[in-house]
Amino acid sequence: MNVDEEVERLKEEIKRLGKPQSDGSYTVTFGVLFNDDRCANIFEALVGTLRAAKKRKIVTYDGELLLQGVHDNVEIKLKAEAVPSDAAEST
């Protein structure tokens, strides 16, 4: 799986685990993503995939490097423009 494919899968997982926001975005904490069994099986390097998504301006979060335990409560936001319009309308 290449980086673009991993970023697309990350978007799906954030929508699955996250909470929809009124602006069409989704939010989830790093701890929820990191500790999810499905995510653990999909992503060999979740932190690297998150950094790639942040660089592509698909997600936002505070800081550069997220670490398990230390940053479990950091909120990750999947930007509304990264969510297909049909997904945003169905929430």
PDB file of N, CA and C in Angstrom:
ATOM      1  N   MET A   1       0.859  -1.174   0.000  1.00  0.00           N
ATOM      2  CA  MET A   1       0.000   0.000   0.000  1.00  0.00           C
ATOM      3  C   MET A   1       0.904   1.236   0.000  1.00  0.00           C
ATOM      4  N   ASN A   2       0.653   2.160  -0.939  1.00  0.00           N
ATOM      5  CA  ASN A   2       1.464   3.377  -0.970  1.00  0.00           C
ATOM      6  C   ASN A   2       0.881   4.439  -0.032  1.00  0.00           C
ATOM      7  N   VAL A   3       1.566   5.544   0.089  1.00  0.00           N
ATOM      8  CA  VAL A   3       1.172   6.583   1.041  1.00  0.00           C
ATOM      9  C   VAL A   3      -0.216   7.135   0.725  1.00  0.00           C
ATOM     10  N   ASP A   4      -0.505   7.378  -0.555  1.00  0.00           N
ATOM     11  CA  ASP A   4      -1.819   7.915  -0.918  1.00  0.00           C
ATOM     12  C   ASP A   4      -2.935   6.951  -0.527  1.00  0.00           C
ATOM     13  N   GLU A   5      -2.703   5.659  -0.724  1.00  0.00           N
ATOM     14  CA  GLU A   5      -3.704   4.660  -0.332  1.00  0.00           C
ATOM     15  C   GLU A   5      -3.877   4.628   1.180  1.00  0.00           C
ATOM     16  N   GLU A   6      -2.775   4.742   1.906  1.00  0.00           N
ATOM     17  CA  GLU A   6      -2.859   4.755   3.367  1.00  0.00           C
ATOM     18  C   GLU A   6      -3.609   5.982   3.866  1.00  0.00           C
ATOM     19  N   VAL A   7      -3.392   7.128   3.239  1.00  0.00           N
ATOM     20  CA  VAL A   7      -4.102   8.351   3.632  1.00  0.00           C
ATOM     21  C   VAL A   7      -5.601   8.182   3.382  1.00  0.00           C
ATOM     22  N   GLU A   8      -5.973   7.573   2.261  1.00  0.00           N
ATOM     23  CA  GLU A   8      -7.396   7.323   1.980  1.00  0.00           C
ATOM     24  C   GLU A   8      -7.998   6.392   3.028  1.00  0.00           C
ATOM     25  N   ARG A   9      -7.269   5.357   3.409  1.00  0.00           N
ATOM     26  CA  ARG A   9      -7.748   4.434   4.446  1.00  0.00           C
ATOM     27  C   ARG A   9      -7.868   5.157   5.783  1.00  0.00           C
ATOM     28  N   LEU A  10      -6.916   6.049   6.062  1.00  0.00           N
ATOM     29  CA  LEU A  10      -6.967   6.826   7.297  1.00  0.00           C
ATOM     30  C   LEU A  10      -8.235   7.672   7.339  1.00  0.00           C
ATOM     31  N   LYS A  11      -8.575   8.295   6.227  1.00  0.00           N
ATOM     32  CA  LYS A  11      -9.804   9.094   6.161  1.00  0.00           C
ATOM     33  C   LYS A  11     -11.015   8.222   6.501  1.00  0.00           C
ATOM     34  N   GLU A  12     -11.067   7.022   5.955  1.00  0.00           N
ATOM     35  CA  GLU A  12     -12.178   6.104   6.235  1.00  0.00           C
ATOM     36  C   GLU A  12     -12.242   5.755   7.718  1.00  0.00           C
ATOM     37  N   GLU A  13     -11.092   5.495   8.315  1.00  0.00           N
ATOM     38  CA  GLU A  13     -11.053   5.110   9.727  1.00  0.00           C
ATOM     39  C   GLU A  13     -11.418   6.276  10.641  1.00  0.00           C
ATOM     40  N   ILE A  14     -11.009   7.478  10.291  1.00  0.00           N
ATOM     41  CA  ILE A  14     -11.392   8.643  11.097  1.00  0.00           C
ATOM     42  C   ILE A  14     -12.902   8.837  11.022  1.00  0.00           C
ATOM     43  N   LYS A  15     -13.484   8.641   9.844  1.00  0.00           N
ATOM     44  CA  LYS A  15     -14.946   8.751   9.729  1.00  0.00           C
ATOM     45  C   LYS A  15     -15.637   7.650  10.534  1.00  0.00           C
ATOM     46  N   ARG A  16     -15.071   6.453  10.540  1.00  0.00           N
ATOM     47  CA  ARG A  16     -15.673   5.333  11.277  1.00  0.00           C
ATOM     48  C   ARG A  16     -15.602   5.555  12.786  1.00  0.00           C
ATOM     49  N   LEU A  17     -14.467   6.008  13.272  1.00  0.00           N
ATOM     50  CA  LEU A  17     -14.246   6.133  14.710  1.00  0.00           C
ATOM     51  C   LEU A  17     -14.566   7.515  15.267  1.00  0.00           C
ATOM     52  N   GLY A  18     -14.564   8.515  14.396  1.00  0.00           N
ATOM     53  CA  GLY A  18     -14.703   9.890  14.853  1.00  0.00           C
ATOM     54  C   GLY A  18     -16.139  10.347  15.008  1.00  0.00           C
ATOM     55  N   LYS A  19     -16.258  11.565  15.462  1.00  0.00           N
ATOM     56  CA  LYS A  19     -17.565  12.200  15.649  1.00  0.00           C
ATOM     57  C   LYS A  19     -17.738  13.270  14.580  1.00  0.00           C
ATOM     58  N   PRO A  20     -18.869  13.220  13.853  1.00  0.00           N
ATOM     59  CA  PRO A  20     -19.111  14.261  12.851  1.00  0.00           C
ATOM     60  C   PRO A  20     -19.339  15.611  13.531  1.00  0.00           C
ATOM     61  N   GLN A  21     -18.820  16.650  12.926  1.00  0.00           N
ATOM     62  CA  GLN A  21     -18.967  18.010  13.442  1.00  0.00           C
ATOM     63  C   GLN A  21     -19.945  18.781  12.554  1.00  0.00           C
ATOM     64  N   SER A  22     -20.454  19.867  13.063  1.00  0.00           N
ATOM     65  CA  SER A  22     -21.455  20.645  12.326  1.00  0.00           C
ATOM     66  C   SER A  22     -20.913  21.227  11.023  1.00  0.00           C
ATOM     67  N   ASP A  23     -19.594  21.392  10.932  1.00  0.00           N
ATOM     68  CA  ASP A  23     -19.007  21.949   9.706  1.00  0.00           C
ATOM     69  C   ASP A  23     -18.696  20.882   8.654  1.00  0.00           C
ATOM     70  N   GLY A  24     -19.055  19.618   8.937  1.00  0.00           N
ATOM     71  CA  GLY A  24     -18.812  18.540   7.982  1.00  0.00           C
ATOM     72  C   GLY A  24     -17.514  17.792   8.220  1.00  0.00           C
ATOM     73  N   SER A  25     -16.721  18.258   9.178  1.00  0.00           N
ATOM     74  CA  SER A  25     -15.469  17.574   9.501  1.00  0.00           C
ATOM     75  C   SER A  25     -15.752  16.449  10.501  1.00  0.00           C
ATOM     76  N   TYR A  26     -14.723  15.664  10.788  1.00  0.00           N
ATOM     77  CA  TYR A  26     -14.806  14.603  11.791  1.00  0.00           C
ATOM     78  C   TYR A  26     -13.638  14.765  12.748  1.00  0.00           C
ATOM     79  N   THR A  27     -13.862  14.465  14.036  1.00  0.00           N
ATOM     80  CA  THR A  27     -12.773  14.516  15.003  1.00  0.00           C
ATOM     81  C   THR A  27     -12.677  13.194  15.757  1.00  0.00           C
ATOM     82  N   VAL A  28     -11.454  12.825  16.075  1.00  0.00           N
ATOM     83  CA  VAL A  28     -11.169  11.617  16.849  1.00  0.00           C
ATOM     84  C   VAL A  28      -9.871  11.874  17.602  1.00  0.00           C
ATOM     85  N   THR A  29      -9.715  11.265  18.757  1.00  0.00           N
ATOM     86  CA  THR A  29      -8.455  11.437  19.476  1.00  0.00           C
ATOM     87  C   THR A  29      -7.428  10.418  18.985  1.00  0.00           C
ATOM     88  N   PHE A  30      -6.168  10.769  19.147  1.00  0.00           N
ATOM     89  CA  PHE A  30      -5.080   9.886  18.741  1.00  0.00           C
ATOM     90  C   PHE A  30      -5.166   8.545  19.471  1.00  0.00           C
ATOM     91  N   GLY A  31      -5.517   8.582  20.743  1.00  0.00           N
ATOM     92  CA  GLY A  31      -5.613   7.344  21.521  1.00  0.00           C
ATOM     93  C   GLY A  31      -6.642   6.384  20.961  1.00  0.00           C
ATOM     94  N   VAL A  32      -7.783   6.904  20.528  1.00  0.00           N
ATOM     95  CA  VAL A  32      -8.823   6.055  19.938  1.00  0.00           C
ATOM     96  C   VAL A  32      -8.300   5.409  18.662  1.00  0.00           C
ATOM     97  N   LEU A  33      -7.668   6.199  17.802  1.00  0.00           N
ATOM     98  CA  LEU A  33      -7.103   5.647  16.561  1.00  0.00           C
ATOM     99  C   LEU A  33      -6.017   4.620  16.858  1.00  0.00           C
ATOM    100  N   PHE A  34      -5.099   4.980  17.739  1.00  0.00           N
ATOM    101  CA  PHE A  34      -3.939   4.135  18.004  1.00  0.00           C
ATOM    102  C   PHE A  34      -4.340   2.806  18.632  1.00  0.00           C
ATOM    103  N   ASN A  35      -5.351   2.823  19.486  1.00  0.00           N
ATOM    104  CA  ASN A  35      -5.739   1.618  20.217  1.00  0.00           C
ATOM    105  C   ASN A  35      -6.799   0.783  19.515  1.00  0.00           C
ATOM    106  N   ASP A  36      -7.255   1.209  18.349  1.00  0.00           N
ATOM    107  CA  ASP A  36      -8.257   0.456  17.600  1.00  0.00           C
ATOM    108  C   ASP A  36      -7.591  -0.728  16.894  1.00  0.00           C
ATOM    109  N   ASP A  37      -8.133  -1.923  17.086  1.00  0.00           N
ATOM    110  CA  ASP A  37      -7.544  -3.128  16.487  1.00  0.00           C
ATOM    111  C   ASP A  37      -7.519  -3.067  14.970  1.00  0.00           C
ATOM    112  N   ARG A  38      -8.590  -2.578  14.374  1.00  0.00           N
ATOM    113  CA  ARG A  38      -8.648  -2.507  12.910  1.00  0.00           C
ATOM    114  C   ARG A  38      -7.557  -1.576  12.374  1.00  0.00           C
ATOM    115  N   CYS A  39      -7.390  -0.430  13.008  1.00  0.00           N
ATOM    116  CA  CYS A  39      -6.336   0.508  12.584  1.00  0.00           C
ATOM    117  C   CYS A  39      -4.959  -0.117  12.768  1.00  0.00           C
ATOM    118  N   ALA A  40      -4.770  -0.829  13.860  1.00  0.00           N
ATOM    119  CA  ALA A  40      -3.475  -1.469  14.110  1.00  0.00           C
ATOM    120  C   ALA A  40      -3.142  -2.471  13.015  1.00  0.00           C
ATOM    121  N   ASN A  41      -4.153  -3.133  12.481  1.00  0.00           N
ATOM    122  CA  ASN A  41      -3.925  -4.112  11.419  1.00  0.00           C
ATOM    123  C   ASN A  41      -3.713  -3.456  10.061  1.00  0.00           C
ATOM    124  N   ILE A  42      -4.262  -2.276   9.850  1.00  0.00           N
ATOM    125  CA  ILE A  42      -4.162  -1.590   8.556  1.00  0.00           C
ATOM    126  C   ILE A  42      -2.850  -0.825   8.435  1.00  0.00           C
ATOM    127  N   PHE A  43      -2.517  -0.067   9.459  1.00  0.00           N
ATOM    128  CA  PHE A  43      -1.402   0.872   9.366  1.00  0.00           C
ATOM    129  C   PHE A  43      -0.161   0.342  10.068  1.00  0.00           C
ATOM    130  N   GLU A  44       0.896   0.131   9.290  1.00  0.00           N
ATOM    131  CA  GLU A  44       2.169  -0.270   9.889  1.00  0.00           C
ATOM    132  C   GLU A  44       2.759   0.895  10.667  1.00  0.00           C
ATOM    133  N   ALA A  45       2.554   2.102  10.170  1.00  0.00           N
ATOM    134  CA  ALA A  45       3.114   3.296  10.802  1.00  0.00           C
ATOM    135  C   ALA A  45       2.042   4.382  10.843  1.00  0.00           C
ATOM    136  N   LEU A  46       1.138   4.280  11.821  1.00  0.00           N
ATOM    137  CA  LEU A  46       0.032   5.229  11.935  1.00  0.00           C
ATOM    138  C   LEU A  46       0.536   6.663  12.033  1.00  0.00           C
ATOM    139  N   VAL A  47       1.572   6.891  12.819  1.00  0.00           N
ATOM    140  CA  VAL A  47       2.097   8.248  12.996  1.00  0.00           C
ATOM    141  C   VAL A  47       2.602   8.799  11.666  1.00  0.00           C
ATOM    142  N   GLY A  48       3.273   7.971  10.889  1.00  0.00           N
ATOM    143  CA  GLY A  48       3.759   8.403   9.577  1.00  0.00           C
ATOM    144  C   GLY A  48       2.621   8.728   8.629  1.00  0.00           C
ATOM    145  N   THR A  49       1.562   7.929   8.670  1.00  0.00           N
ATOM    146  CA  THR A  49       0.392   8.185   7.822  1.00  0.00           C
ATOM    147  C   THR A  49      -0.290   9.479   8.247  1.00  0.00           C
ATOM    148  N   LEU A  50      -0.390   9.711   9.545  1.00  0.00           N
ATOM    149  CA  LEU A  50      -0.969  10.965  10.036  1.00  0.00           C
ATOM    150  C   LEU A  50      -0.141  12.164   9.586  1.00  0.00           C
ATOM    151  N   ARG A  51       1.176  12.038   9.653  1.00  0.00           N
ATOM    152  CA  ARG A  51       2.044  13.141   9.217  1.00  0.00           C
ATOM    153  C   ARG A  51       1.879  13.408   7.724  1.00  0.00           C
ATOM    154  N   ALA A  52       1.756  12.348   6.933  1.00  0.00           N
ATOM    155  CA  ALA A  52       1.553  12.514   5.488  1.00  0.00           C
ATOM    156  C   ALA A  52       0.219  13.195   5.216  1.00  0.00           C
ATOM    157  N   ALA A  53      -0.823  12.819   5.950  1.00  0.00           N
ATOM    158  CA  ALA A  53      -2.141  13.435   5.776  1.00  0.00           C
ATOM    159  C   ALA A  53      -2.114  14.900   6.210  1.00  0.00           C
ATOM    160  N   LYS A  54      -1.373  15.199   7.264  1.00  0.00           N
ATOM    161  CA  LYS A  54      -1.257  16.585   7.722  1.00  0.00           C
ATOM    162  C   LYS A  54      -0.516  17.423   6.684  1.00  0.00           C
ATOM    163  N   LYS A  55       0.541  16.860   6.116  1.00  0.00           N
ATOM    164  CA  LYS A  55       1.312  17.564   5.089  1.00  0.00           C
ATOM    165  C   LYS A  55       0.442  17.871   3.871  1.00  0.00           C
ATOM    166  N   ARG A  56      -0.494  16.967   3.560  1.00  0.00           N
ATOM    167  CA  ARG A  56      -1.414  17.144   2.431  1.00  0.00           C
ATOM    168  C   ARG A  56      -2.631  17.995   2.801  1.00  0.00           C
ATOM    169  N   LYS A  57      -2.659  18.488   4.056  1.00  0.00           N
ATOM    170  CA  LYS A  57      -3.730  19.353   4.562  1.00  0.00           C
ATOM    171  C   LYS A  57      -5.091  18.654   4.561  1.00  0.00           C
ATOM    172  N   ILE A  58      -5.072  17.353   4.848  1.00  0.00           N
ATOM    173  CA  ILE A  58      -6.290  16.557   4.947  1.00  0.00           C
ATOM    174  C   ILE A  58      -6.747  16.488   6.399  1.00  0.00           C
ATOM    175  N   VAL A  59      -5.788  16.441   7.317  1.00  0.00           N
ATOM    176  CA  VAL A  59      -6.088  16.442   8.746  1.00  0.00           C
ATOM    177  C   VAL A  59      -5.300  17.552   9.424  1.00  0.00           C
ATOM    178  N   THR A  60      -5.774  17.925  10.604  1.00  0.00           N
ATOM    179  CA  THR A  60      -5.034  18.871  11.445  1.00  0.00           C
ATOM    180  C   THR A  60      -4.960  18.297  12.854  1.00  0.00           C
ATOM    181  N   TYR A  61      -3.877  18.599  13.536  1.00  0.00           N
ATOM    182  CA  TYR A  61      -3.715  18.271  14.948  1.00  0.00           C
ATOM    183  C   TYR A  61      -2.549  19.090  15.475  1.00  0.00           C
ATOM    184  N   ASP A  62      -2.536  19.278  16.798  1.00  0.00           N
ATOM    185  CA  ASP A  62      -1.464  20.040  17.431  1.00  0.00           C
ATOM    186  C   ASP A  62      -0.209  19.191  17.528  1.00  0.00           C
ATOM    187  N   GLY A  63       0.921  19.803  17.258  1.00  0.00           N
ATOM    188  CA  GLY A  63       2.201  19.121  17.369  1.00  0.00           C
ATOM    189  C   GLY A  63       2.639  18.509  16.061  1.00  0.00           C
ATOM    190  N   GLU A  64       3.826  17.942  16.078  1.00  0.00           N
ATOM    191  CA  GLU A  64       4.395  17.300  14.891  1.00  0.00           C
ATOM    192  C   GLU A  64       4.407  15.790  15.024  1.00  0.00           C
ATOM    193  N   LEU A  65       4.837  15.305  16.184  1.00  0.00           N
ATOM    194  CA  LEU A  65       4.997  13.876  16.407  1.00  0.00           C
ATOM    195  C   LEU A  65       4.079  13.446  17.542  1.00  0.00           C
ATOM    196  N   LEU A  66       3.209  12.486  17.283  1.00  0.00           N
ATOM    197  CA  LEU A  66       2.292  11.987  18.299  1.00  0.00           C
ATOM    198  C   LEU A  66       2.825  10.670  18.853  1.00  0.00           C
ATOM    199  N   LEU A  67       2.817  10.557  20.175  1.00  0.00           N
ATOM    200  CA  LEU A  67       3.322   9.364  20.847  1.00  0.00           C
ATOM    201  C   LEU A  67       2.219   8.727  21.680  1.00  0.00           C
ATOM    202  N   GLN A  68       2.177   7.397  21.661  1.00  0.00           N
ATOM    203  CA  GLN A  68       1.184   6.670  22.441  1.00  0.00           C
ATOM    204  C   GLN A  68       1.332   7.021  23.911  1.00  0.00           C
ATOM    205  N   GLY A  69       0.206   7.185  24.579  1.00  0.00           N
ATOM    206  CA  GLY A  69       0.204   7.526  25.998  1.00  0.00           C
ATOM    207  C   GLY A  69       0.309   9.016  26.215  1.00  0.00           C
ATOM    208  N   VAL A  70       1.384   9.609  25.757  1.00  0.00           N
ATOM    209  CA  VAL A  70       1.628  11.040  25.959  1.00  0.00           C
ATOM    210  C   VAL A  70       0.593  11.890  25.231  1.00  0.00           C
ATOM    211  N   HIS A  71       0.222  11.490  24.022  1.00  0.00           N
ATOM    212  CA  HIS A  71      -0.656  12.305  23.183  1.00  0.00           C
ATOM    213  C   HIS A  71      -2.007  11.644  22.903  1.00  0.00           C
ATOM    214  N   ASP A  72      -2.438  10.725  23.762  1.00  0.00           N
ATOM    215  CA  ASP A  72      -3.701  10.011  23.527  1.00  0.00           C
ATOM    216  C   ASP A  72      -4.904  10.942  23.425  1.00  0.00           C
ATOM    217  N   ASN A  73      -4.857  12.096  24.086  1.00  0.00           N
ATOM    218  CA  ASN A  73      -6.001  13.014  24.083  1.00  0.00           C
ATOM    219  C   ASN A  73      -5.914  14.096  23.017  1.00  0.00           C
ATOM    220  N   VAL A  74      -4.896  14.052  22.172  1.00  0.00           N
ATOM    221  CA  VAL A  74      -4.773  15.036  21.094  1.00  0.00           C
ATOM    222  C   VAL A  74      -5.868  14.768  20.066  1.00  0.00           C
ATOM    223  N   GLU A  75      -6.600  15.822  19.742  1.00  0.00           N
ATOM    224  CA  GLU A  75      -7.704  15.706  18.782  1.00  0.00           C
ATOM    225  C   GLU A  75      -7.183  15.812  17.355  1.00  0.00           C
ATOM    226  N   ILE A  76      -7.585  14.853  16.538  1.00  0.00           N
ATOM    227  CA  ILE A  76      -7.249  14.848  15.116  1.00  0.00           C
ATOM    228  C   ILE A  76      -8.520  15.196  14.366  1.00  0.00           C
ATOM    229  N   LYS A  77      -8.419  16.171  13.482  1.00  0.00           N
ATOM    230  CA  LYS A  77      -9.591  16.639  12.742  1.00  0.00           C
ATOM    231  C   LYS A  77      -9.412  16.326  11.263  1.00  0.00           C
ATOM    232  N   LEU A  78     -10.348  15.557  10.722  1.00  0.00           N
ATOM    233  CA  LEU A  78     -10.420  15.320   9.283  1.00  0.00           C
ATOM    234  C   LEU A  78     -11.186  16.496   8.707  1.00  0.00           C
ATOM    235  N   LYS A  79     -10.521  17.297   7.908  1.00  0.00           N
ATOM    236  CA  LYS A  79     -11.136  18.514   7.383  1.00  0.00           C
ATOM    237  C   LYS A  79     -12.357  18.199   6.530  1.00  0.00           C
ATOM    238  N   ALA A  80     -13.340  19.082   6.581  1.00  0.00           N
ATOM    239  CA  ALA A  80     -14.593  18.881   5.857  1.00  0.00           C
ATOM    240  C   ALA A  80     -14.365  18.729   4.360  1.00  0.00           C
ATOM    241  N   GLU A  81     -13.416  19.484   3.804  1.00  0.00           N
ATOM    242  CA  GLU A  81     -13.173  19.409   2.361  1.00  0.00           C
ATOM    243  C   GLU A  81     -12.551  18.078   1.954  1.00  0.00           C
ATOM    244  N   ALA A  82     -12.050  17.302   2.929  1.00  0.00           N
ATOM    245  CA  ALA A  82     -11.489  15.979   2.646  1.00  0.00           C
ATOM    246  C   ALA A  82     -12.554  14.886   2.702  1.00  0.00           C
ATOM    247  N   VAL A  83     -13.762  15.261   3.151  1.00  0.00           N
ATOM    248  CA  VAL A  83     -14.866  14.308   3.250  1.00  0.00           C
ATOM    249  C   VAL A  83     -15.733  14.447   2.008  1.00  0.00           C
ATOM    250  N   PRO A  84     -15.988  13.348   1.278  1.00  0.00           N
ATOM    251  CA  PRO A  84     -16.872  13.438   0.106  1.00  0.00           C
ATOM    252  C   PRO A  84     -18.225  14.012   0.514  1.00  0.00           C
ATOM    253  N   SER A  85     -18.829  14.807  -0.344  1.00  0.00           N
ATOM    254  CA  SER A  85     -20.076  15.495   0.002  1.00  0.00           C
ATOM    255  C   SER A  85     -21.192  14.527   0.365  1.00  0.00           C
ATOM    256  N   ASP A  86     -21.252  13.348  -0.264  1.00  0.00           N
ATOM    257  CA  ASP A  86     -22.309  12.401   0.077  1.00  0.00           C
ATOM    258  C   ASP A  86     -22.136  11.858   1.490  1.00  0.00           C
ATOM    259  N   ALA A  87     -20.903  11.726   1.973  1.00  0.00           N
ATOM    260  CA  ALA A  87     -20.660  11.258   3.335  1.00  0.00           C
ATOM    261  C   ALA A  87     -21.059  12.327   4.340  1.00  0.00           C
ATOM    262  N   ALA A  88     -20.783  13.577   4.034  1.00  0.00           N
ATOM    263  CA  ALA A  88     -21.126  14.666   4.947  1.00  0.00           C
ATOM    264  C   ALA A  88     -22.635  14.831   5.049  1.00  0.00           C
ATOM    265  N   GLU A  89     -23.344  14.605   3.954  1.00  0.00           N
ATOM    266  CA  GLU A  89     -24.789  14.777   3.960  1.00  0.00           C
ATOM    267  C   GLU A  89     -25.501  13.656   4.692  1.00  0.00           C
ATOM    268  N   SER A  90     -24.895  12.475   4.779  1.00  0.00           N
ATOM    269  CA  SER A  90     -25.560  11.336   5.395  1.00  0.00           C
ATOM    270  C   SER A  90     -25.463  11.344   6.912  1.00  0.00           C
ATOM    271  N   THR A  91     -24.723  12.294   7.499  1.00  0.00           N
ATOM    272  CA  THR A  91     -24.587  12.337   8.952  1.00  0.00           C
ATOM    273  C   THR A  91     -25.613  13.224   9.579  1.00  0.00           C
TER     274      THR A  91
END
